[in-house]
Amino acid sequence: MHPYCMKNIQSLLLAGLAFGLASSTQAASFLFTESGDGDLSNTPASPTILGDHPSTVGFSIGSNFVRGSTVTGDPDIFSFTVGVGYQLSAIQLTSYNSTDDRGFIAVQRGSVWNNGVGAGANFNRSTLLGYAHFGTGTQAATAQPGTDVLDNLGVAAGAIGFTGALGPGTYTFLVQQTAAPVVNYEFDLQLTPVPEPGEYAVVAGALLGGFAVWRRRRA
């Protein structure tokens, strides 16, 4: 595609997305820290339930920070609900600190963790929605600080898997470290409104308009 066309389409796409976001609820922030709010549960049958926004029955719209630490024998297990009309669109690893170069995160549907804890042999991957490693290690598929872990979870080998955002429903996460060093981490779980059909139409119209302008200029 001609660079001029590409440039205009990208600009118009961003404008359409901005229009959609501007029409949605203003972003808020939710923060849970183990140092301030207490230790995240390490009991599979009773995860720590997070969330404080009545319209979503779960996290606040926008950024939701979970800051904790985990070590062998003390996994962090938490659960939350994404309300109708919303989606979990990203899980940014905002910080990582440990003498070990990676930790482990996994997700299941439902309000309890009914899979393994600890070494990989304890897990039944076929019941996991997804799993991933995260940290500073150079091993393949290790999510680095500053990157989104959600897409890593979706393509995990042997898991149920998913594409794109996670829609309405209840999800339970396990964050753990199976080696001796303590892993300190922070995730930003980003909750956004599901785009309305009208917002898709705005973006599509912008793209078509940009293409028409390009064709006229070419002519």
N, C-alpha and C. Protein backbone atom coordinates (compact mmCIF):
# COMPACT_ATOMS: atom_id res chain seq x y z
N MET A 1 0.84 -1.19 0.00
CA MET A 1 0.00 0.00 0.00
C MET A 1 0.88 1.25 0.00
N HIS A 2 0.42 2.28 -0.69
CA HIS A 2 1.18 3.52 -0.77
C HIS A 2 1.37 4.13 0.62
N PRO A 3 2.57 4.65 0.93
CA PRO A 3 2.82 5.21 2.27
C PRO A 3 1.84 6.31 2.65
N TYR A 4 1.44 7.14 1.68
CA TYR A 4 0.50 8.22 2.00
C TYR A 4 -0.83 7.64 2.49
N CYS A 5 -1.27 6.60 1.78
CA CYS A 5 -2.52 5.96 2.16
C CYS A 5 -2.42 5.36 3.55
N MET A 6 -1.32 4.67 3.79
CA MET A 6 -1.12 4.05 5.10
C MET A 6 -1.11 5.09 6.20
N LYS A 7 -0.42 6.20 5.96
CA LYS A 7 -0.34 7.25 6.97
C LYS A 7 -1.70 7.79 7.32
N ASN A 8 -2.53 8.05 6.33
CA ASN A 8 -3.86 8.61 6.58
C ASN A 8 -4.78 7.60 7.23
N ILE A 9 -4.69 6.36 6.80
CA ILE A 9 -5.55 5.35 7.42
C ILE A 9 -5.21 5.18 8.90
N GLN A 10 -3.94 5.17 9.23
CA GLN A 10 -3.54 5.03 10.63
C GLN A 10 -4.07 6.20 11.45
N SER A 11 -3.95 7.41 10.92
CA SER A 11 -4.41 8.60 11.64
C SER A 11 -5.91 8.55 11.86
N LEU A 12 -6.63 8.15 10.82
CA LEU A 12 -8.09 8.12 10.94
C LEU A 12 -8.54 7.00 11.87
N LEU A 13 -7.83 5.89 11.84
CA LEU A 13 -8.14 4.80 12.76
C LEU A 13 -7.98 5.24 14.20
N LEU A 14 -6.87 5.93 14.49
CA LEU A 14 -6.65 6.43 15.84
C LEU A 14 -7.72 7.43 16.24
N ALA A 15 -8.13 8.25 15.29
CA ALA A 15 -9.17 9.24 15.59
C ALA A 15 -10.48 8.54 15.93
N GLY A 16 -10.79 7.46 15.15
CA GLY A 16 -12.01 6.73 15.43
C GLY A 16 -11.99 6.06 16.78
N LEU A 17 -10.84 5.49 17.14
CA LEU A 17 -10.73 4.86 18.46
C LEU A 17 -10.84 5.89 19.56
N ALA A 18 -10.22 7.04 19.36
CA ALA A 18 -10.30 8.11 20.36
C ALA A 18 -11.73 8.55 20.56
N PHE A 19 -12.50 8.62 19.46
CA PHE A 19 -13.91 8.99 19.56
C PHE A 19 -14.67 8.00 20.42
N GLY A 20 -14.39 6.72 20.17
CA GLY A 20 -15.07 5.69 20.96
C GLY A 20 -14.71 5.75 22.42
N LEU A 21 -13.43 5.95 22.71
CA LEU A 21 -13.00 6.01 24.11
C LEU A 21 -13.55 7.24 24.80
N ALA A 22 -13.64 8.33 24.07
CA ALA A 22 -14.14 9.57 24.66
C ALA A 22 -15.59 9.42 25.07
N SER A 23 -16.34 8.53 24.37
CA SER A 23 -17.75 8.36 24.68
C SER A 23 -17.98 7.36 25.80
N SER A 24 -16.94 6.70 26.26
CA SER A 24 -17.08 5.71 27.32
C SER A 24 -16.82 6.33 28.68
N THR A 25 -17.03 5.52 29.71
CA THR A 25 -16.82 6.00 31.07
C THR A 25 -15.35 6.36 31.29
N GLN A 26 -15.12 7.45 31.99
CA GLN A 26 -13.75 7.88 32.27
C GLN A 26 -13.01 6.81 33.07
N ALA A 27 -11.76 6.58 32.70
CA ALA A 27 -10.96 5.55 33.35
C ALA A 27 -10.69 5.88 34.81
N ALA A 28 -10.67 4.85 35.63
CA ALA A 28 -10.35 4.99 37.05
C ALA A 28 -9.20 4.06 37.36
N SER A 29 -8.82 3.97 38.61
CA SER A 29 -7.74 3.07 38.99
C SER A 29 -8.09 2.33 40.27
N PHE A 30 -7.65 1.10 40.33
CA PHE A 30 -7.83 0.24 41.50
C PHE A 30 -6.44 -0.27 41.86
N LEU A 31 -6.13 -0.31 43.13
CA LEU A 31 -4.81 -0.76 43.56
C LEU A 31 -4.94 -1.70 44.75
N PHE A 32 -4.37 -2.89 44.62
CA PHE A 32 -4.28 -3.82 45.75
C PHE A 32 -2.80 -4.10 45.97
N THR A 33 -2.35 -3.88 47.20
CA THR A 33 -0.97 -4.19 47.55
C THR A 33 -0.98 -5.11 48.76
N GLU A 34 -0.15 -6.13 48.72
CA GLU A 34 -0.07 -7.02 49.88
C GLU A 34 0.46 -6.29 51.10
N SER A 35 1.31 -5.30 50.89
CA SER A 35 1.85 -4.56 52.04
C SER A 35 0.78 -3.71 52.72
N GLY A 36 -0.23 -3.27 51.97
CA GLY A 36 -1.25 -2.42 52.56
C GLY A 36 -2.59 -3.09 52.78
N ASP A 37 -2.90 -4.10 51.97
CA ASP A 37 -4.23 -4.71 52.01
C ASP A 37 -4.23 -6.14 52.52
N GLY A 38 -3.07 -6.67 52.85
CA GLY A 38 -3.00 -8.02 53.38
C GLY A 38 -2.54 -9.03 52.34
N ASP A 39 -2.09 -10.17 52.82
CA ASP A 39 -1.54 -11.20 51.95
C ASP A 39 -2.60 -11.77 51.03
N LEU A 40 -2.29 -11.88 49.74
CA LEU A 40 -3.20 -12.56 48.82
C LEU A 40 -3.34 -14.02 49.24
N SER A 41 -4.50 -14.58 49.03
CA SER A 41 -4.78 -15.95 49.46
C SER A 41 -3.82 -16.95 48.81
N ASN A 42 -3.46 -17.97 49.58
CA ASN A 42 -2.72 -19.10 49.00
C ASN A 42 -3.54 -20.39 49.07
N THR A 43 -4.86 -20.23 49.25
CA THR A 43 -5.78 -21.36 49.37
C THR A 43 -6.61 -21.48 48.10
N PRO A 44 -6.46 -22.54 47.33
CA PRO A 44 -7.16 -22.65 46.04
C PRO A 44 -8.68 -22.51 46.14
N ALA A 45 -9.28 -23.02 47.21
CA ALA A 45 -10.74 -22.99 47.32
C ALA A 45 -11.29 -21.64 47.74
N SER A 46 -10.43 -20.73 48.18
CA SER A 46 -10.92 -19.41 48.63
C SER A 46 -9.95 -18.31 48.20
N PRO A 47 -9.94 -17.97 46.93
CA PRO A 47 -9.06 -16.90 46.44
C PRO A 47 -9.44 -15.55 47.07
N THR A 48 -8.50 -14.64 47.06
CA THR A 48 -8.82 -13.26 47.42
C THR A 48 -9.69 -12.67 46.31
N ILE A 49 -10.85 -12.13 46.67
CA ILE A 49 -11.77 -11.57 45.69
C ILE A 49 -11.49 -10.07 45.56
N LEU A 50 -11.16 -9.63 44.37
CA LEU A 50 -10.84 -8.23 44.13
C LEU A 50 -11.95 -7.56 43.34
N GLY A 51 -12.07 -6.25 43.52
CA GLY A 51 -13.05 -5.51 42.73
C GLY A 51 -13.81 -4.52 43.59
N ASP A 52 -14.10 -3.36 42.99
CA ASP A 52 -14.79 -2.33 43.77
C ASP A 52 -15.72 -1.47 42.94
N HIS A 53 -16.06 -1.88 41.73
CA HIS A 53 -16.85 -1.03 40.85
C HIS A 53 -18.22 -1.66 40.61
N PRO A 54 -19.30 -1.04 41.10
CA PRO A 54 -20.61 -1.70 41.05
C PRO A 54 -21.12 -2.00 39.66
N SER A 55 -20.79 -1.18 38.66
CA SER A 55 -21.34 -1.41 37.33
C SER A 55 -20.65 -2.55 36.61
N THR A 56 -19.50 -2.96 37.07
CA THR A 56 -18.81 -4.06 36.41
C THR A 56 -18.73 -5.30 37.30
N VAL A 57 -19.11 -5.20 38.53
CA VAL A 57 -19.05 -6.26 39.52
C VAL A 57 -17.61 -6.74 39.70
N GLY A 58 -16.67 -5.95 39.25
CA GLY A 58 -15.28 -6.36 39.31
C GLY A 58 -14.39 -5.15 39.48
N PHE A 59 -13.32 -5.11 38.75
CA PHE A 59 -12.37 -4.03 38.87
C PHE A 59 -12.95 -2.71 38.38
N SER A 60 -12.23 -1.62 38.68
CA SER A 60 -12.60 -0.32 38.13
C SER A 60 -12.35 -0.32 36.63
N ILE A 61 -13.07 0.51 35.92
CA ILE A 61 -12.81 0.69 34.50
C ILE A 61 -11.47 1.40 34.36
N GLY A 62 -10.60 0.86 33.57
CA GLY A 62 -9.26 1.42 33.40
C GLY A 62 -8.21 0.52 34.01
N SER A 63 -7.26 1.11 34.72
CA SER A 63 -6.13 0.36 35.27
C SER A 63 -6.46 -0.21 36.65
N ASN A 64 -6.02 -1.46 36.85
CA ASN A 64 -6.23 -2.16 38.11
C ASN A 64 -4.92 -2.84 38.49
N PHE A 65 -4.24 -2.26 39.47
CA PHE A 65 -2.90 -2.73 39.83
C PHE A 65 -2.97 -3.74 40.97
N VAL A 66 -2.29 -4.85 40.78
CA VAL A 66 -2.14 -5.86 41.82
C VAL A 66 -0.65 -6.03 42.07
N ARG A 67 -0.24 -5.71 43.29
CA ARG A 67 1.19 -5.74 43.64
C ARG A 67 1.39 -6.74 44.76
N GLY A 68 2.24 -7.75 44.52
CA GLY A 68 2.43 -8.77 45.54
C GLY A 68 3.80 -9.41 45.45
N SER A 69 3.98 -10.44 46.27
CA SER A 69 5.23 -11.21 46.25
C SER A 69 4.87 -12.68 46.48
N THR A 70 5.67 -13.55 45.88
CA THR A 70 5.41 -14.98 45.99
C THR A 70 6.72 -15.73 46.08
N VAL A 71 6.67 -16.86 46.76
CA VAL A 71 7.85 -17.70 46.94
C VAL A 71 7.35 -19.14 47.07
N THR A 72 8.23 -20.10 46.99
CA THR A 72 7.85 -21.51 47.11
C THR A 72 6.94 -21.73 48.31
N GLY A 73 5.80 -22.36 48.08
CA GLY A 73 4.87 -22.67 49.17
C GLY A 73 3.90 -21.56 49.49
N ASP A 74 4.03 -20.40 48.86
CA ASP A 74 3.11 -19.28 49.13
C ASP A 74 2.66 -18.65 47.81
N PRO A 75 1.81 -19.35 47.04
CA PRO A 75 1.29 -18.76 45.81
C PRO A 75 0.30 -17.65 46.11
N ASP A 76 0.07 -16.79 45.15
CA ASP A 76 -0.94 -15.74 45.25
C ASP A 76 -2.11 -16.12 44.35
N ILE A 77 -3.30 -16.23 44.94
CA ILE A 77 -4.49 -16.65 44.19
C ILE A 77 -5.57 -15.59 44.39
N PHE A 78 -6.03 -15.01 43.27
CA PHE A 78 -7.07 -13.97 43.37
C PHE A 78 -8.08 -14.13 42.24
N SER A 79 -9.28 -13.63 42.52
CA SER A 79 -10.39 -13.80 41.59
C SER A 79 -11.12 -12.47 41.42
N PHE A 80 -11.69 -12.27 40.24
CA PHE A 80 -12.53 -11.09 40.02
C PHE A 80 -13.49 -11.37 38.87
N THR A 81 -14.50 -10.52 38.76
CA THR A 81 -15.53 -10.68 37.74
C THR A 81 -15.51 -9.50 36.78
N VAL A 82 -15.54 -9.79 35.50
CA VAL A 82 -15.69 -8.77 34.46
C VAL A 82 -17.18 -8.68 34.13
N GLY A 83 -17.75 -7.52 34.28
CA GLY A 83 -19.18 -7.36 34.07
C GLY A 83 -19.58 -7.32 32.60
N VAL A 84 -20.88 -7.47 32.36
CA VAL A 84 -21.43 -7.42 31.00
C VAL A 84 -21.13 -6.06 30.37
N GLY A 85 -20.66 -6.08 29.15
CA GLY A 85 -20.33 -4.85 28.44
C GLY A 85 -18.88 -4.43 28.60
N TYR A 86 -18.09 -5.24 29.32
CA TYR A 86 -16.68 -4.90 29.55
C TYR A 86 -15.79 -6.07 29.17
N GLN A 87 -14.49 -5.81 29.13
CA GLN A 87 -13.53 -6.84 28.77
C GLN A 87 -12.20 -6.58 29.45
N LEU A 88 -11.49 -7.65 29.75
CA LEU A 88 -10.12 -7.54 30.24
C LEU A 88 -9.24 -7.49 29.00
N SER A 89 -8.73 -6.31 28.68
CA SER A 89 -8.06 -6.11 27.39
C SER A 89 -6.55 -6.22 27.47
N ALA A 90 -5.96 -6.17 28.67
CA ALA A 90 -4.50 -6.28 28.79
C ALA A 90 -4.14 -6.63 30.22
N ILE A 91 -3.00 -7.30 30.38
CA ILE A 91 -2.39 -7.53 31.69
C ILE A 91 -0.94 -7.10 31.56
N GLN A 92 -0.67 -5.85 31.87
CA GLN A 92 0.68 -5.32 31.74
C GLN A 92 1.52 -5.71 32.96
N LEU A 93 2.70 -6.26 32.71
CA LEU A 93 3.66 -6.50 33.78
C LEU A 93 4.39 -5.19 34.02
N THR A 94 4.01 -4.48 35.07
CA THR A 94 4.56 -3.14 35.29
C THR A 94 5.85 -3.16 36.11
N SER A 95 6.08 -4.22 36.90
CA SER A 95 7.36 -4.31 37.61
C SER A 95 7.65 -5.76 37.97
N TYR A 96 8.94 -6.07 38.08
CA TYR A 96 9.39 -7.41 38.45
C TYR A 96 10.73 -7.27 39.14
N ASN A 97 10.88 -7.96 40.29
CA ASN A 97 12.14 -7.90 41.01
C ASN A 97 12.38 -9.23 41.71
N SER A 98 13.50 -9.88 41.40
CA SER A 98 13.85 -11.14 42.02
C SER A 98 15.26 -11.53 41.59
N THR A 99 15.91 -12.39 42.38
CA THR A 99 17.18 -12.95 41.93
C THR A 99 16.94 -14.11 40.98
N ASP A 100 15.68 -14.61 40.91
CA ASP A 100 15.29 -15.57 39.89
C ASP A 100 14.77 -14.77 38.70
N ASP A 101 15.00 -15.27 37.49
CA ASP A 101 14.66 -14.44 36.34
C ASP A 101 13.26 -14.63 35.79
N ARG A 102 12.44 -15.47 36.45
CA ARG A 102 11.06 -15.55 35.97
C ARG A 102 10.13 -16.17 37.01
N GLY A 103 8.86 -15.74 36.91
CA GLY A 103 7.79 -16.30 37.72
C GLY A 103 6.75 -16.93 36.81
N PHE A 104 5.60 -17.29 37.39
CA PHE A 104 4.58 -18.03 36.65
C PHE A 104 3.21 -17.46 36.97
N ILE A 105 2.37 -17.33 35.93
CA ILE A 105 0.99 -16.87 36.11
C ILE A 105 0.08 -17.77 35.27
N ALA A 106 -1.09 -18.09 35.80
CA ALA A 106 -2.06 -18.91 35.07
C ALA A 106 -3.46 -18.43 35.41
N VAL A 107 -4.43 -18.75 34.55
CA VAL A 107 -5.81 -18.30 34.75
C VAL A 107 -6.77 -19.42 34.41
N GLN A 108 -7.83 -19.51 35.20
CA GLN A 108 -8.95 -20.41 34.96
C GLN A 108 -10.25 -19.62 35.00
N ARG A 109 -11.26 -20.13 34.32
CA ARG A 109 -12.60 -19.58 34.49
C ARG A 109 -13.17 -20.06 35.83
N GLY A 110 -14.01 -19.23 36.45
CA GLY A 110 -14.66 -19.61 37.68
C GLY A 110 -14.09 -18.89 38.88
N SER A 111 -14.71 -19.11 40.04
CA SER A 111 -14.39 -18.34 41.24
C SER A 111 -13.46 -19.05 42.19
N VAL A 112 -12.99 -20.26 41.84
CA VAL A 112 -12.03 -20.98 42.68
C VAL A 112 -10.92 -21.52 41.78
N TRP A 113 -9.78 -21.85 42.41
CA TRP A 113 -8.68 -22.47 41.68
C TRP A 113 -8.76 -23.97 41.91
N ASN A 114 -9.15 -24.70 40.87
CA ASN A 114 -9.30 -26.15 41.03
C ASN A 114 -8.30 -26.91 40.17
N ASN A 115 -7.10 -26.34 40.06
CA ASN A 115 -6.01 -27.00 39.36
C ASN A 115 -4.83 -27.11 40.31
N GLY A 116 -3.66 -27.44 39.79
CA GLY A 116 -2.50 -27.66 40.64
C GLY A 116 -1.85 -26.39 41.15
N VAL A 117 -0.98 -26.57 42.12
CA VAL A 117 -0.14 -25.51 42.67
C VAL A 117 1.26 -26.10 42.82
N GLY A 118 2.27 -25.32 42.49
CA GLY A 118 3.64 -25.81 42.63
C GLY A 118 4.23 -26.19 41.29
N ALA A 119 4.98 -27.28 41.26
CA ALA A 119 5.69 -27.70 40.05
C ALA A 119 4.73 -28.05 38.93
N GLY A 120 5.24 -27.96 37.70
CA GLY A 120 4.40 -28.16 36.53
C GLY A 120 3.71 -29.50 36.47
N ALA A 121 4.33 -30.52 37.05
CA ALA A 121 3.72 -31.85 37.00
C ALA A 121 2.40 -31.91 37.76
N ASN A 122 2.15 -30.93 38.63
CA ASN A 122 0.91 -30.91 39.41
C ASN A 122 -0.27 -30.37 38.62
N PHE A 123 -0.02 -29.80 37.43
CA PHE A 123 -1.06 -29.11 36.69
C PHE A 123 -1.71 -30.01 35.64
N ASN A 124 -3.01 -29.78 35.43
CA ASN A 124 -3.71 -30.33 34.29
C ASN A 124 -3.92 -29.17 33.32
N ARG A 125 -3.04 -29.04 32.34
CA ARG A 125 -3.07 -27.88 31.47
C ARG A 125 -4.37 -27.76 30.69
N SER A 126 -5.05 -28.89 30.47
CA SER A 126 -6.25 -28.85 29.64
C SER A 126 -7.41 -28.12 30.30
N THR A 127 -7.34 -27.88 31.62
CA THR A 127 -8.40 -27.14 32.30
C THR A 127 -8.01 -25.69 32.56
N LEU A 128 -6.79 -25.32 32.18
CA LEU A 128 -6.36 -23.92 32.32
C LEU A 128 -6.82 -23.13 31.11
N LEU A 129 -7.30 -21.93 31.34
CA LEU A 129 -7.62 -21.04 30.23
C LEU A 129 -6.32 -20.58 29.56
N GLY A 130 -5.27 -20.39 30.37
CA GLY A 130 -3.97 -20.02 29.84
C GLY A 130 -2.94 -19.94 30.94
N TYR A 131 -1.67 -19.91 30.57
CA TYR A 131 -0.58 -19.76 31.53
C TYR A 131 0.61 -19.14 30.82
N ALA A 132 1.54 -18.56 31.61
CA ALA A 132 2.70 -17.90 31.02
C ALA A 132 3.77 -17.70 32.07
N HIS A 133 5.01 -17.55 31.61
CA HIS A 133 6.11 -17.12 32.47
C HIS A 133 6.33 -15.62 32.27
N PHE A 134 6.79 -14.97 33.31
CA PHE A 134 7.06 -13.54 33.22
C PHE A 134 8.30 -13.22 34.04
N GLY A 135 9.01 -12.17 33.67
CA GLY A 135 10.21 -11.77 34.41
C GLY A 135 11.27 -11.18 33.50
N THR A 136 12.52 -11.33 33.90
CA THR A 136 13.63 -10.75 33.15
C THR A 136 14.43 -11.79 32.37
N GLY A 137 14.02 -13.04 32.43
CA GLY A 137 14.75 -14.11 31.77
C GLY A 137 14.67 -14.03 30.25
N THR A 138 15.60 -14.66 29.61
CA THR A 138 15.66 -14.64 28.14
C THR A 138 15.03 -15.89 27.53
N GLN A 139 14.46 -16.76 28.34
CA GLN A 139 13.82 -17.95 27.79
C GLN A 139 12.67 -17.55 26.87
N ALA A 140 12.43 -18.38 25.87
CA ALA A 140 11.37 -18.08 24.91
C ALA A 140 10.03 -17.87 25.61
N ALA A 141 9.28 -16.88 25.13
CA ALA A 141 7.92 -16.60 25.60
C ALA A 141 7.85 -16.11 27.03
N THR A 142 8.96 -15.63 27.59
CA THR A 142 8.91 -15.01 28.91
C THR A 142 8.52 -13.54 28.75
N ALA A 143 7.39 -13.15 29.32
CA ALA A 143 6.93 -11.77 29.21
C ALA A 143 7.83 -10.85 30.03
N GLN A 144 8.30 -9.80 29.41
CA GLN A 144 9.22 -8.87 30.06
C GLN A 144 8.47 -7.72 30.72
N PRO A 145 9.07 -7.07 31.74
CA PRO A 145 8.44 -5.89 32.32
C PRO A 145 8.14 -4.85 31.24
N GLY A 146 6.94 -4.28 31.33
CA GLY A 146 6.51 -3.30 30.34
C GLY A 146 5.73 -3.90 29.19
N THR A 147 5.55 -5.23 29.19
CA THR A 147 4.81 -5.87 28.11
C THR A 147 3.51 -6.47 28.62
N ASP A 148 2.65 -6.82 27.67
CA ASP A 148 1.35 -7.40 27.96
C ASP A 148 1.47 -8.92 28.08
N VAL A 149 0.99 -9.46 29.20
CA VAL A 149 1.06 -10.91 29.42
C VAL A 149 -0.17 -11.62 28.87
N LEU A 150 -1.23 -10.88 28.60
CA LEU A 150 -2.50 -11.51 28.23
C LEU A 150 -2.37 -12.36 26.98
N ASP A 151 -1.67 -11.86 25.95
CA ASP A 151 -1.54 -12.64 24.73
C ASP A 151 -0.69 -13.89 24.94
N ASN A 152 0.29 -13.83 25.85
CA ASN A 152 1.07 -15.03 26.19
C ASN A 152 0.17 -16.10 26.80
N LEU A 153 -0.73 -15.69 27.68
CA LEU A 153 -1.66 -16.63 28.31
C LEU A 153 -2.52 -17.32 27.26
N GLY A 154 -2.96 -16.55 26.28
CA GLY A 154 -3.90 -17.09 25.29
C GLY A 154 -3.35 -18.17 24.39
N VAL A 155 -2.02 -18.19 24.20
CA VAL A 155 -1.44 -19.15 23.25
C VAL A 155 -0.66 -20.26 23.96
N ALA A 156 -0.86 -20.45 25.24
CA ALA A 156 -0.12 -21.47 26.00
C ALA A 156 -0.41 -22.87 25.48
N ALA A 157 0.64 -23.65 25.30
CA ALA A 157 0.50 -25.00 24.75
C ALA A 157 -0.30 -25.90 25.70
N GLY A 158 -1.28 -26.60 25.17
CA GLY A 158 -2.06 -27.55 25.94
C GLY A 158 -3.20 -26.96 26.73
N ALA A 159 -3.26 -25.62 26.84
CA ALA A 159 -4.34 -24.97 27.57
C ALA A 159 -5.55 -24.75 26.65
N ILE A 160 -6.66 -24.34 27.24
CA ILE A 160 -7.86 -24.07 26.44
C ILE A 160 -7.58 -22.98 25.42
N GLY A 161 -6.94 -21.92 25.88
CA GLY A 161 -6.54 -20.84 24.99
C GLY A 161 -7.66 -19.86 24.67
N PHE A 162 -7.29 -18.71 24.15
CA PHE A 162 -8.25 -17.68 23.74
C PHE A 162 -7.53 -16.68 22.85
N THR A 163 -8.31 -15.86 22.17
CA THR A 163 -7.76 -14.84 21.29
C THR A 163 -8.29 -13.48 21.70
N GLY A 164 -7.41 -12.51 21.82
CA GLY A 164 -7.84 -11.16 22.16
C GLY A 164 -8.20 -11.00 23.63
N ALA A 165 -9.16 -10.14 23.89
CA ALA A 165 -9.55 -9.81 25.26
C ALA A 165 -10.38 -10.93 25.89
N LEU A 166 -10.45 -10.91 27.23
CA LEU A 166 -11.33 -11.82 27.97
C LEU A 166 -12.63 -11.09 28.29
N GLY A 167 -13.72 -11.66 27.86
CA GLY A 167 -15.02 -11.02 28.02
C GLY A 167 -15.64 -11.23 29.38
N PRO A 168 -16.94 -10.91 29.51
CA PRO A 168 -17.62 -11.01 30.79
C PRO A 168 -17.51 -12.41 31.40
N GLY A 169 -17.34 -12.44 32.71
CA GLY A 169 -17.23 -13.71 33.42
C GLY A 169 -16.33 -13.57 34.63
N THR A 170 -16.24 -14.63 35.40
CA THR A 170 -15.39 -14.66 36.59
C THR A 170 -14.13 -15.45 36.28
N TYR A 171 -12.99 -14.89 36.68
CA TYR A 171 -11.69 -15.49 36.40
C TYR A 171 -10.88 -15.59 37.69
N THR A 172 -10.13 -16.67 37.83
CA THR A 172 -9.24 -16.85 38.98
C THR A 172 -7.82 -17.00 38.47
N PHE A 173 -6.91 -16.23 39.07
CA PHE A 173 -5.50 -16.21 38.67
C PHE A 173 -4.64 -16.82 39.76
N LEU A 174 -3.61 -17.53 39.33
CA LEU A 174 -2.57 -18.05 40.21
C LEU A 174 -1.24 -17.41 39.80
N VAL A 175 -0.56 -16.77 40.75
CA VAL A 175 0.79 -16.26 40.52
C VAL A 175 1.70 -16.98 41.50
N GLN A 176 2.77 -17.60 41.01
CA GLN A 176 3.61 -18.37 41.92
C GLN A 176 5.07 -18.39 41.47
N GLN A 177 5.92 -18.80 42.42
CA GLN A 177 7.34 -19.01 42.20
C GLN A 177 7.68 -20.35 42.84
N THR A 178 8.30 -21.23 42.06
CA THR A 178 8.59 -22.57 42.59
C THR A 178 10.04 -22.74 43.00
N ALA A 179 10.83 -21.68 42.94
CA ALA A 179 12.21 -21.73 43.42
C ALA A 179 12.32 -20.93 44.72
N ALA A 180 13.49 -20.98 45.34
CA ALA A 180 13.67 -20.35 46.65
C ALA A 180 13.56 -18.82 46.64
N PRO A 181 14.08 -18.11 45.62
CA PRO A 181 14.04 -16.64 45.68
C PRO A 181 12.61 -16.10 45.67
N VAL A 182 12.41 -15.00 46.38
CA VAL A 182 11.12 -14.30 46.39
C VAL A 182 10.96 -13.52 45.09
N VAL A 183 9.78 -13.58 44.50
CA VAL A 183 9.46 -12.79 43.32
C VAL A 183 8.52 -11.67 43.73
N ASN A 184 8.91 -10.43 43.49
CA ASN A 184 8.06 -9.26 43.70
C ASN A 184 7.56 -8.80 42.33
N TYR A 185 6.27 -8.57 42.22
CA TYR A 185 5.69 -8.25 40.92
C TYR A 185 4.57 -7.22 41.07
N GLU A 186 4.23 -6.61 39.95
CA GLU A 186 3.04 -5.78 39.87
C GLU A 186 2.44 -5.94 38.48
N PHE A 187 1.14 -6.23 38.43
CA PHE A 187 0.41 -6.32 37.18
C PHE A 187 -0.63 -5.21 37.12
N ASP A 188 -0.84 -4.69 35.92
CA ASP A 188 -1.93 -3.75 35.66
C ASP A 188 -2.94 -4.46 34.78
N LEU A 189 -4.05 -4.87 35.38
CA LEU A 189 -5.11 -5.55 34.64
C LEU A 189 -6.07 -4.48 34.14
N GLN A 190 -6.17 -4.34 32.83
CA GLN A 190 -6.87 -3.21 32.23
C GLN A 190 -8.25 -3.61 31.74
N LEU A 191 -9.25 -2.98 32.35
CA LEU A 191 -10.65 -3.25 32.04
C LEU A 191 -11.18 -2.13 31.16
N THR A 192 -11.73 -2.47 30.01
CA THR A 192 -12.24 -1.46 29.07
C THR A 192 -13.63 -1.85 28.60
N PRO A 193 -14.44 -0.86 28.19
CA PRO A 193 -15.75 -1.18 27.63
C PRO A 193 -15.60 -1.92 26.30
N VAL A 194 -16.51 -2.84 26.04
CA VAL A 194 -16.55 -3.49 24.73
C VAL A 194 -17.07 -2.45 23.74
N PRO A 195 -16.36 -2.21 22.63
CA PRO A 195 -16.81 -1.20 21.66
C PRO A 195 -18.22 -1.49 21.17
N GLU A 196 -19.05 -0.44 21.11
CA GLU A 196 -20.39 -0.58 20.58
C GLU A 196 -20.33 -0.71 19.06
N PRO A 197 -21.35 -1.34 18.46
CA PRO A 197 -21.37 -1.44 16.99
C PRO A 197 -21.22 -0.10 16.30
N GLY A 198 -21.78 0.95 16.89
CA GLY A 198 -21.68 2.28 16.30
C GLY A 198 -20.25 2.78 16.27
N GLU A 199 -19.46 2.39 17.26
CA GLU A 199 -18.06 2.81 17.29
C GLU A 199 -17.27 2.11 16.19
N TYR A 200 -17.60 0.84 15.94
CA TYR A 200 -16.96 0.16 14.81
C TYR A 200 -17.30 0.87 13.51
N ALA A 201 -18.55 1.34 13.40
CA ALA A 201 -18.96 2.02 12.17
C ALA A 201 -18.18 3.31 11.97
N VAL A 202 -17.90 4.04 13.09
CA VAL A 202 -17.11 5.27 13.00
C VAL A 202 -15.72 4.97 12.46
N VAL A 203 -15.10 3.91 13.00
CA VAL A 203 -13.76 3.55 12.55
C VAL A 203 -13.78 3.13 11.08
N ALA A 204 -14.78 2.31 10.70
CA ALA A 204 -14.86 1.86 9.32
C ALA A 204 -15.08 3.04 8.38
N GLY A 205 -15.93 3.99 8.80
CA GLY A 205 -16.17 5.16 7.97
C GLY A 205 -14.92 5.99 7.80
N ALA A 206 -14.15 6.10 8.88
CA ALA A 206 -12.91 6.87 8.80
C ALA A 206 -11.93 6.23 7.82
N LEU A 207 -11.85 4.90 7.87
CA LEU A 207 -10.96 4.19 6.96
C LEU A 207 -11.39 4.37 5.51
N LEU A 208 -12.69 4.24 5.26
CA LEU A 208 -13.18 4.40 3.89
C LEU A 208 -12.97 5.83 3.40
N GLY A 209 -13.20 6.79 4.31
CA GLY A 209 -12.99 8.19 3.93
C GLY A 209 -11.53 8.45 3.58
N GLY A 210 -10.63 7.88 4.36
CA GLY A 210 -9.20 8.06 4.09
C GLY A 210 -8.80 7.46 2.77
N PHE A 211 -9.39 6.28 2.45
CA PHE A 211 -9.06 5.64 1.19
C PHE A 211 -9.58 6.46 0.01
N ALA A 212 -10.79 7.06 0.19
CA ALA A 212 -11.35 7.88 -0.88
C ALA A 212 -10.48 9.11 -1.14
N VAL A 213 -10.01 9.74 -0.06
CA VAL A 213 -9.12 10.90 -0.21
C VAL A 213 -7.86 10.51 -0.95
N TRP A 214 -7.29 9.36 -0.60
CA TRP A 214 -6.06 8.90 -1.25
C TRP A 214 -6.29 8.67 -2.74
N ARG A 215 -7.44 8.05 -3.10
CA ARG A 215 -7.72 7.78 -4.50
C ARG A 215 -7.89 9.07 -5.30
N ARG A 216 -8.55 10.06 -4.68
CA ARG A 216 -8.72 11.34 -5.38
C ARG A 216 -7.39 12.00 -5.64
N ARG A 217 -6.50 11.94 -4.63
CA ARG A 217 -5.19 12.54 -4.80
C ARG A 217 -4.37 11.81 -5.85
N ARG A 218 -4.52 10.48 -5.90
CA ARG A 218 -3.83 9.70 -6.90
C ARG A 218 -4.32 10.05 -8.29
N ALA A 219 -5.65 10.27 -8.40
CA ALA A 219 -6.23 10.61 -9.72
C ALA A 219 -5.75 11.98 -10.17
